[in-house]
Amino acid sequence: MLNKAPRLKSTIKTKAKGNINVRPASEAMIELLTLLFLNSLAEEAKAKAFEEKSATIRAQHVRAVSKKVLKKARG
C-alpha cells in the first residue's frame, strides 16, 4: 500500500524566512504543483532511460533532464 505524501506546510514554514502563514487552499495548490513537477521529471527521465536502452531510471537520467524540466516549469 502506498503511503501518503507528507504535508508541505511544516516544510514551508521551516524553510521560509520569517513566520509565513499558508492557507489550506494555498498548501493544496503547492502540493499539486509539486506533484505535477515530479511527474514531468519522472516522465522525461523515463524517456531518457528508454533512449539509452536502460530498464531502470537512474540518477544520471534524472540529472540529464532536470535542467530541461526546470526551464519548462519556469515558463
PDB file of N, CA and C in Angstrom:
ATOM      1  N   MET A   1       0.841  -1.173   0.000  1.00  0.00           N
ATOM      2  CA  MET A   1       0.000   0.000   0.000  1.00  0.00           C
ATOM      3  C   MET A   1       0.892   1.243   0.000  1.00  0.00           C
ATOM      4  N   LEU A   2       0.541   2.203  -0.802  1.00  0.00           N
ATOM      5  CA  LEU A   2       1.326   3.416  -0.894  1.00  0.00           C
ATOM      6  C   LEU A   2       1.063   4.333   0.295  1.00  0.00           C
ATOM      7  N   ASN A   3       2.133   4.932   0.781  1.00  0.00           N
ATOM      8  CA  ASN A   3       1.988   5.894   1.864  1.00  0.00           C
ATOM      9  C   ASN A   3       1.607   7.251   1.295  1.00  0.00           C
ATOM     10  N   LYS A   4       0.903   8.031   2.071  1.00  0.00           N
ATOM     11  CA  LYS A   4       0.507   9.367   1.677  1.00  0.00           C
ATOM     12  C   LYS A   4       1.723  10.294   1.738  1.00  0.00           C
ATOM     13  N   ALA A   5       1.796  11.228   0.814  1.00  0.00           N
ATOM     14  CA  ALA A   5       2.890  12.190   0.828  1.00  0.00           C
ATOM     15  C   ALA A   5       2.760  13.088   2.059  1.00  0.00           C
ATOM     16  N   PRO A   6       3.901  13.466   2.664  1.00  0.00           N
ATOM     17  CA  PRO A   6       3.815  14.323   3.850  1.00  0.00           C
ATOM     18  C   PRO A   6       3.305  15.710   3.482  1.00  0.00           C
ATOM     19  N   ARG A   7       2.658  16.358   4.422  1.00  0.00           N
ATOM     20  CA  ARG A   7       2.134  17.696   4.193  1.00  0.00           C
ATOM     21  C   ARG A   7       3.290  18.676   4.069  1.00  0.00           C
ATOM     22  N   LEU A   8       3.144  19.644   3.211  1.00  0.00           N
ATOM     23  CA  LEU A   8       4.206  20.597   2.946  1.00  0.00           C
ATOM     24  C   LEU A   8       4.200  21.797   3.877  1.00  0.00           C
ATOM     25  N   LYS A   9       3.135  21.975   4.641  1.00  0.00           N
ATOM     26  CA  LYS A   9       3.009  23.179   5.461  1.00  0.00           C
ATOM     27  C   LYS A   9       4.182  23.326   6.420  1.00  0.00           C
ATOM     28  N   SER A  10       4.550  22.259   7.112  1.00  0.00           N
ATOM     29  CA  SER A  10       5.652  22.352   8.061  1.00  0.00           C
ATOM     30  C   SER A  10       6.972  22.588   7.330  1.00  0.00           C
ATOM     31  N   THR A  11       7.140  21.987   6.163  1.00  0.00           N
ATOM     32  CA  THR A  11       8.356  22.195   5.380  1.00  0.00           C
ATOM     33  C   THR A  11       8.445  23.635   4.908  1.00  0.00           C
ATOM     34  N   ILE A  12       7.337  24.190   4.473  1.00  0.00           N
ATOM     35  CA  ILE A  12       7.322  25.571   4.002  1.00  0.00           C
ATOM     36  C   ILE A  12       7.662  26.521   5.138  1.00  0.00           C
ATOM     37  N   LYS A  13       7.085  26.284   6.305  1.00  0.00           N
ATOM     38  CA  LYS A  13       7.352  27.166   7.441  1.00  0.00           C
ATOM     39  C   LYS A  13       8.805  27.088   7.888  1.00  0.00           C
ATOM     40  N   THR A  14       9.404  25.898   7.854  1.00  0.00           N
ATOM     41  CA  THR A  14      10.781  25.778   8.313  1.00  0.00           C
ATOM     42  C   THR A  14      11.758  26.372   7.305  1.00  0.00           C
ATOM     43  N   LYS A  15      11.460  26.285   6.016  1.00  0.00           N
ATOM     44  CA  LYS A  15      12.370  26.792   5.010  1.00  0.00           C
ATOM     45  C   LYS A  15      12.179  28.274   4.721  1.00  0.00           C
ATOM     46  N   ALA A  16      10.999  28.795   4.998  1.00  0.00           N
ATOM     47  CA  ALA A  16      10.719  30.204   4.720  1.00  0.00           C
ATOM     48  C   ALA A  16      11.385  31.073   5.779  1.00  0.00           C
ATOM     49  N   LYS A  17      11.803  32.238   5.343  1.00  0.00           N
ATOM     50  CA  LYS A  17      12.392  33.177   6.290  1.00  0.00           C
ATOM     51  C   LYS A  17      11.261  33.956   6.935  1.00  0.00           C
ATOM     52  N   GLY A  18      11.229  33.942   8.226  1.00  0.00           N
ATOM     53  CA  GLY A  18      10.153  34.610   8.929  1.00  0.00           C
ATOM     54  C   GLY A  18       8.988  33.668   9.143  1.00  0.00           C
ATOM     55  N   ASN A  19       7.957  34.188   9.720  1.00  0.00           N
ATOM     56  CA  ASN A  19       6.785  33.384  10.013  1.00  0.00           C
ATOM     57  C   ASN A  19       5.723  33.681   8.965  1.00  0.00           C
ATOM     58  N   ILE A  20       5.574  32.789   7.993  1.00  0.00           N
ATOM     59  CA  ILE A  20       4.622  32.969   6.904  1.00  0.00           C
ATOM     60  C   ILE A  20       3.456  32.022   7.126  1.00  0.00           C
ATOM     61  N   ASN A  21       2.264  32.581   7.105  1.00  0.00           N
ATOM     62  CA  ASN A  21       1.074  31.747   7.225  1.00  0.00           C
ATOM     63  C   ASN A  21       0.650  31.279   5.840  1.00  0.00           C
ATOM     64  N   VAL A  22       0.403  29.987   5.712  1.00  0.00           N
ATOM     65  CA  VAL A  22      -0.031  29.403   4.447  1.00  0.00           C
ATOM     66  C   VAL A  22      -1.437  28.874   4.636  1.00  0.00           C
ATOM     67  N   ARG A  23      -2.367  29.360   3.846  1.00  0.00           N
ATOM     68  CA  ARG A  23      -3.757  28.920   3.944  1.00  0.00           C
ATOM     69  C   ARG A  23      -3.879  27.509   3.367  1.00  0.00           C
ATOM     70  N   PRO A  24      -4.858  26.747   3.815  1.00  0.00           N
ATOM     71  CA  PRO A  24      -5.023  25.368   3.334  1.00  0.00           C
ATOM     72  C   PRO A  24      -5.179  25.255   1.823  1.00  0.00           C
ATOM     73  N   ALA A  25      -5.877  26.192   1.203  1.00  0.00           N
ATOM     74  CA  ALA A  25      -6.046  26.138  -0.252  1.00  0.00           C
ATOM     75  C   ALA A  25      -4.711  26.343  -0.957  1.00  0.00           C
ATOM     76  N   SER A  26      -3.888  27.255  -0.419  1.00  0.00           N
ATOM     77  CA  SER A  26      -2.565  27.501  -0.998  1.00  0.00           C
ATOM     78  C   SER A  26      -1.661  26.290  -0.807  1.00  0.00           C
ATOM     79  N   GLU A  27      -1.777  25.679   0.345  1.00  0.00           N
ATOM     80  CA  GLU A  27      -0.980  24.488   0.623  1.00  0.00           C
ATOM     81  C   GLU A  27      -1.322  23.370  -0.357  1.00  0.00           C
ATOM     82  N   ALA A  28      -2.611  23.196  -0.616  1.00  0.00           N
ATOM     83  CA  ALA A  28      -3.039  22.167  -1.565  1.00  0.00           C
ATOM     84  C   ALA A  28      -2.527  22.478  -2.967  1.00  0.00           C
ATOM     85  N   MET A  29      -2.554  23.744  -3.364  1.00  0.00           N
ATOM     86  CA  MET A  29      -2.066  24.140  -4.680  1.00  0.00           C
ATOM     87  C   MET A  29      -0.558  23.884  -4.806  1.00  0.00           C
ATOM     88  N   ILE A  30       0.185  24.190  -3.749  1.00  0.00           N
ATOM     89  CA  ILE A  30       1.630  23.946  -3.763  1.00  0.00           C
ATOM     90  C   ILE A  30       1.907  22.454  -3.889  1.00  0.00           C
ATOM     91  N   GLU A  31       1.143  21.641  -3.166  1.00  0.00           N
ATOM     92  CA  GLU A  31       1.329  20.192  -3.244  1.00  0.00           C
ATOM     93  C   GLU A  31       1.025  19.671  -4.642  1.00  0.00           C
ATOM     94  N   LEU A  32      -0.046  20.161  -5.254  1.00  0.00           N
ATOM     95  CA  LEU A  32      -0.392  19.715  -6.603  1.00  0.00           C
ATOM     96  C   LEU A  32       0.670  20.114  -7.618  1.00  0.00           C
ATOM     97  N   LEU A  33       1.163  21.333  -7.513  1.00  0.00           N
ATOM     98  CA  LEU A  33       2.207  21.780  -8.433  1.00  0.00           C
ATOM     99  C   LEU A  33       3.494  20.983  -8.250  1.00  0.00           C
ATOM    100  N   THR A  34       3.812  20.650  -7.003  1.00  0.00           N
ATOM    101  CA  THR A  34       4.997  19.833  -6.740  1.00  0.00           C
ATOM    102  C   THR A  34       4.842  18.449  -7.352  1.00  0.00           C
ATOM    103  N   LEU A  35       3.665  17.855  -7.193  1.00  0.00           N
ATOM    104  CA  LEU A  35       3.431  16.532  -7.765  1.00  0.00           C
ATOM    105  C   LEU A  35       3.466  16.558  -9.292  1.00  0.00           C
ATOM    106  N   LEU A  36       2.919  17.611  -9.899  1.00  0.00           N
ATOM    107  CA  LEU A  36       2.976  17.741 -11.358  1.00  0.00           C
ATOM    108  C   LEU A  36       4.412  17.875 -11.843  1.00  0.00           C
ATOM    109  N   PHE A  37       5.207  18.656 -11.109  1.00  0.00           N
ATOM    110  CA  PHE A  37       6.615  18.817 -11.480  1.00  0.00           C
ATOM    111  C   PHE A  37       7.355  17.490 -11.388  1.00  0.00           C
ATOM    112  N   LEU A  38       7.151  16.765 -10.293  1.00  0.00           N
ATOM    113  CA  LEU A  38       7.823  15.478 -10.125  1.00  0.00           C
ATOM    114  C   LEU A  38       7.368  14.475 -11.172  1.00  0.00           C
ATOM    115  N   ASN A  39       6.100  14.528 -11.544  1.00  0.00           N
ATOM    116  CA  ASN A  39       5.588  13.635 -12.578  1.00  0.00           C
ATOM    117  C   ASN A  39       6.256  13.916 -13.922  1.00  0.00           C
ATOM    118  N   SER A  40       6.367  15.201 -14.283  1.00  0.00           N
ATOM    119  CA  SER A  40       7.001  15.530 -15.562  1.00  0.00           C
ATOM    120  C   SER A  40       8.489  15.171 -15.541  1.00  0.00           C
ATOM    121  N   LEU A  41       9.138  15.357 -14.395  1.00  0.00           N
ATOM    122  CA  LEU A  41      10.553  14.971 -14.274  1.00  0.00           C
ATOM    123  C   LEU A  41      10.708  13.464 -14.446  1.00  0.00           C
ATOM    124  N   ALA A  42       9.821  12.696 -13.848  1.00  0.00           N
ATOM    125  CA  ALA A  42       9.884  11.235 -13.965  1.00  0.00           C
ATOM    126  C   ALA A  42       9.618  10.783 -15.399  1.00  0.00           C
ATOM    127  N   GLU A  43       8.676  11.420 -16.078  1.00  0.00           N
ATOM    128  CA  GLU A  43       8.376  11.064 -17.471  1.00  0.00           C
ATOM    129  C   GLU A  43       9.570  11.334 -18.381  1.00  0.00           C
ATOM    130  N   GLU A  44      10.198  12.496 -18.199  1.00  0.00           N
ATOM    131  CA  GLU A  44      11.370  12.836 -19.019  1.00  0.00           C
ATOM    132  C   GLU A  44      12.535  11.886 -18.728  1.00  0.00           C
ATOM    133  N   ALA A  45      12.743  11.551 -17.457  1.00  0.00           N
ATOM    134  CA  ALA A  45      13.808  10.618 -17.089  1.00  0.00           C
ATOM    135  C   ALA A  45      13.529   9.228 -17.649  1.00  0.00           C
ATOM    136  N   LYS A  46      12.266   8.843 -17.684  1.00  0.00           N
ATOM    137  CA  LYS A  46      11.888   7.549 -18.267  1.00  0.00           C
ATOM    138  C   LYS A  46      12.208   7.520 -19.755  1.00  0.00           C
ATOM    139  N   ALA A  47      11.904   8.616 -20.445  1.00  0.00           N
ATOM    140  CA  ALA A  47      12.208   8.695 -21.879  1.00  0.00           C
ATOM    141  C   ALA A  47      13.708   8.637 -22.114  1.00  0.00           C
ATOM    142  N   LYS A  48      14.474   9.309 -21.267  1.00  0.00           N
ATOM    143  CA  LYS A  48      15.944   9.305 -21.391  1.00  0.00           C
ATOM    144  C   LYS A  48      16.487   7.893 -21.153  1.00  0.00           C
ATOM    145  N   ALA A  49      15.958   7.213 -20.155  1.00  0.00           N
ATOM    146  CA  ALA A  49      16.399   5.841 -19.878  1.00  0.00           C
ATOM    147  C   ALA A  49      16.056   4.930 -21.052  1.00  0.00           C
ATOM    148  N   PHE A  50      14.891   5.137 -21.655  1.00  0.00           N
ATOM    149  CA  PHE A  50      14.482   4.331 -22.810  1.00  0.00           C
ATOM    150  C   PHE A  50      15.421   4.570 -23.998  1.00  0.00           C
ATOM    151  N   GLU A  51      15.838   5.831 -24.190  1.00  0.00           N
ATOM    152  CA  GLU A  51      16.781   6.150 -25.267  1.00  0.00           C
ATOM    153  C   GLU A  51      18.098   5.414 -25.088  1.00  0.00           C
ATOM    154  N   GLU A  52      18.529   5.293 -23.841  1.00  0.00           N
ATOM    155  CA  GLU A  52      19.803   4.622 -23.544  1.00  0.00           C
ATOM    156  C   GLU A  52      19.632   3.122 -23.341  1.00  0.00           C
ATOM    157  N   LYS A  53      18.449   2.609 -23.656  1.00  0.00           N
ATOM    158  CA  LYS A  53      18.140   1.179 -23.552  1.00  0.00           C
ATOM    159  C   LYS A  53      18.373   0.637 -22.142  1.00  0.00           C
ATOM    160  N   SER A  54      17.961   1.425 -21.165  1.00  0.00           N
ATOM    161  CA  SER A  54      18.080   1.026 -19.769  1.00  0.00           C
ATOM    162  C   SER A  54      16.706   0.639 -19.245  1.00  0.00           C
ATOM    163  N   ALA A  55      16.647  -0.413 -18.443  1.00  0.00           N
ATOM    164  CA  ALA A  55      15.364  -0.875 -17.906  1.00  0.00           C
ATOM    165  C   ALA A  55      14.939  -0.081 -16.672  1.00  0.00           C
ATOM    166  N   THR A  56      15.902   0.581 -16.023  1.00  0.00           N
ATOM    167  CA  THR A  56      15.584   1.347 -14.819  1.00  0.00           C
ATOM    168  C   THR A  56      16.008   2.801 -14.992  1.00  0.00           C
ATOM    169  N   ILE A  57      15.332   3.664 -14.268  1.00  0.00           N
ATOM    170  CA  ILE A  57      15.683   5.080 -14.267  1.00  0.00           C
ATOM    171  C   ILE A  57      16.746   5.282 -13.198  1.00  0.00           C
ATOM    172  N   ARG A  58      17.867   5.801 -13.596  1.00  0.00           N
ATOM    173  CA  ARG A  58      18.971   6.035 -12.666  1.00  0.00           C
ATOM    174  C   ARG A  58      19.140   7.521 -12.426  1.00  0.00           C
ATOM    175  N   ALA A  59      19.975   7.844 -11.444  1.00  0.00           N
ATOM    176  CA  ALA A  59      20.213   9.248 -11.091  1.00  0.00           C
ATOM    177  C   ALA A  59      20.777  10.033 -12.268  1.00  0.00           C
ATOM    178  N   GLN A  60      21.594   9.386 -13.080  1.00  0.00           N
ATOM    179  CA  GLN A  60      22.175  10.086 -14.232  1.00  0.00           C
ATOM    180  C   GLN A  60      21.109  10.505 -15.234  1.00  0.00           C
ATOM    181  N   HIS A  61      20.054   9.715 -15.361  1.00  0.00           N
ATOM    182  CA  HIS A  61      18.961  10.075 -16.269  1.00  0.00           C
ATOM    183  C   HIS A  61      18.198  11.292 -15.737  1.00  0.00           C
ATOM    184  N   VAL A  62      17.970  11.306 -14.439  1.00  0.00           N
ATOM    185  CA  VAL A  62      17.256  12.431 -13.823  1.00  0.00           C
ATOM    186  C   VAL A  62      18.090  13.705 -13.949  1.00  0.00           C
ATOM    187  N   ARG A  63      19.393  13.594 -13.675  1.00  0.00           N
ATOM    188  CA  ARG A  63      20.275  14.760 -13.792  1.00  0.00           C
ATOM    189  C   ARG A  63      20.326  15.283 -15.217  1.00  0.00           C
ATOM    190  N   ALA A  64      20.293  14.380 -16.186  1.00  0.00           N
ATOM    191  CA  ALA A  64      20.395  14.773 -17.591  1.00  0.00           C
ATOM    192  C   ALA A  64      19.186  15.588 -18.044  1.00  0.00           C
ATOM    193  N   VAL A  65      18.017  15.319 -17.510  1.00  0.00           N
ATOM    194  CA  VAL A  65      16.812  16.014 -17.966  1.00  0.00           C
ATOM    195  C   VAL A  65      16.341  17.099 -16.998  1.00  0.00           C
ATOM    196  N   SER A  66      16.963  17.203 -15.840  1.00  0.00           N
ATOM    197  CA  SER A  66      16.468  18.138 -14.827  1.00  0.00           C
ATOM    198  C   SER A  66      16.511  19.590 -15.295  1.00  0.00           C
ATOM    199  N   LYS A  67      17.569  19.983 -16.003  1.00  0.00           N
ATOM    200  CA  LYS A  67      17.677  21.363 -16.461  1.00  0.00           C
ATOM    201  C   LYS A  67      16.555  21.702 -17.445  1.00  0.00           C
ATOM    202  N   LYS A  68      16.273  20.778 -18.339  1.00  0.00           N
ATOM    203  CA  LYS A  68      15.215  20.978 -19.324  1.00  0.00           C
ATOM    204  C   LYS A  68      13.850  21.099 -18.657  1.00  0.00           C
ATOM    205  N   VAL A  69      13.575  20.254 -17.684  1.00  0.00           N
ATOM    206  CA  VAL A  69      12.284  20.268 -16.994  1.00  0.00           C
ATOM    207  C   VAL A  69      12.145  21.535 -16.156  1.00  0.00           C
ATOM    208  N   LEU A  70      13.234  21.974 -15.510  1.00  0.00           N
ATOM    209  CA  LEU A  70      13.178  23.211 -14.740  1.00  0.00           C
ATOM    210  C   LEU A  70      12.880  24.412 -15.634  1.00  0.00           C
ATOM    211  N   LYS A  71      13.465  24.434 -16.813  1.00  0.00           N
ATOM    212  CA  LYS A  71      13.197  25.536 -17.744  1.00  0.00           C
ATOM    213  C   LYS A  71      11.736  25.539 -18.152  1.00  0.00           C
ATOM    214  N   LYS A  72      11.169  24.353 -18.405  1.00  0.00           N
ATOM    215  CA  LYS A  72       9.764  24.241 -18.774  1.00  0.00           C
ATOM    216  C   LYS A  72       8.863  24.706 -17.632  1.00  0.00           C
ATOM    217  N   ALA A  73       9.242  24.377 -16.406  1.00  0.00           N
ATOM    218  CA  ALA A  73       8.417  24.722 -15.241  1.00  0.00           C
ATOM    219  C   ALA A  73       8.395  26.225 -15.001  1.00  0.00           C
ATOM    220  N   ARG A  74       9.485  26.893 -15.317  1.00  0.00           N
ATOM    221  CA  ARG A  74       9.540  28.338 -15.121  1.00  0.00           C
ATOM    222  C   ARG A  74       8.656  29.088 -16.102  1.00  0.00           C
ATOM    223  N   GLY A  75       8.493  28.523 -17.263  1.00  0.00           N
ATOM    224  CA  GLY A  75       7.618  29.153 -18.247  1.00  0.00           C
ATOM    225  C   GLY A  75       8.312  29.784 -19.397  1.00  0.00           C
TER     226      GLY A  75
END
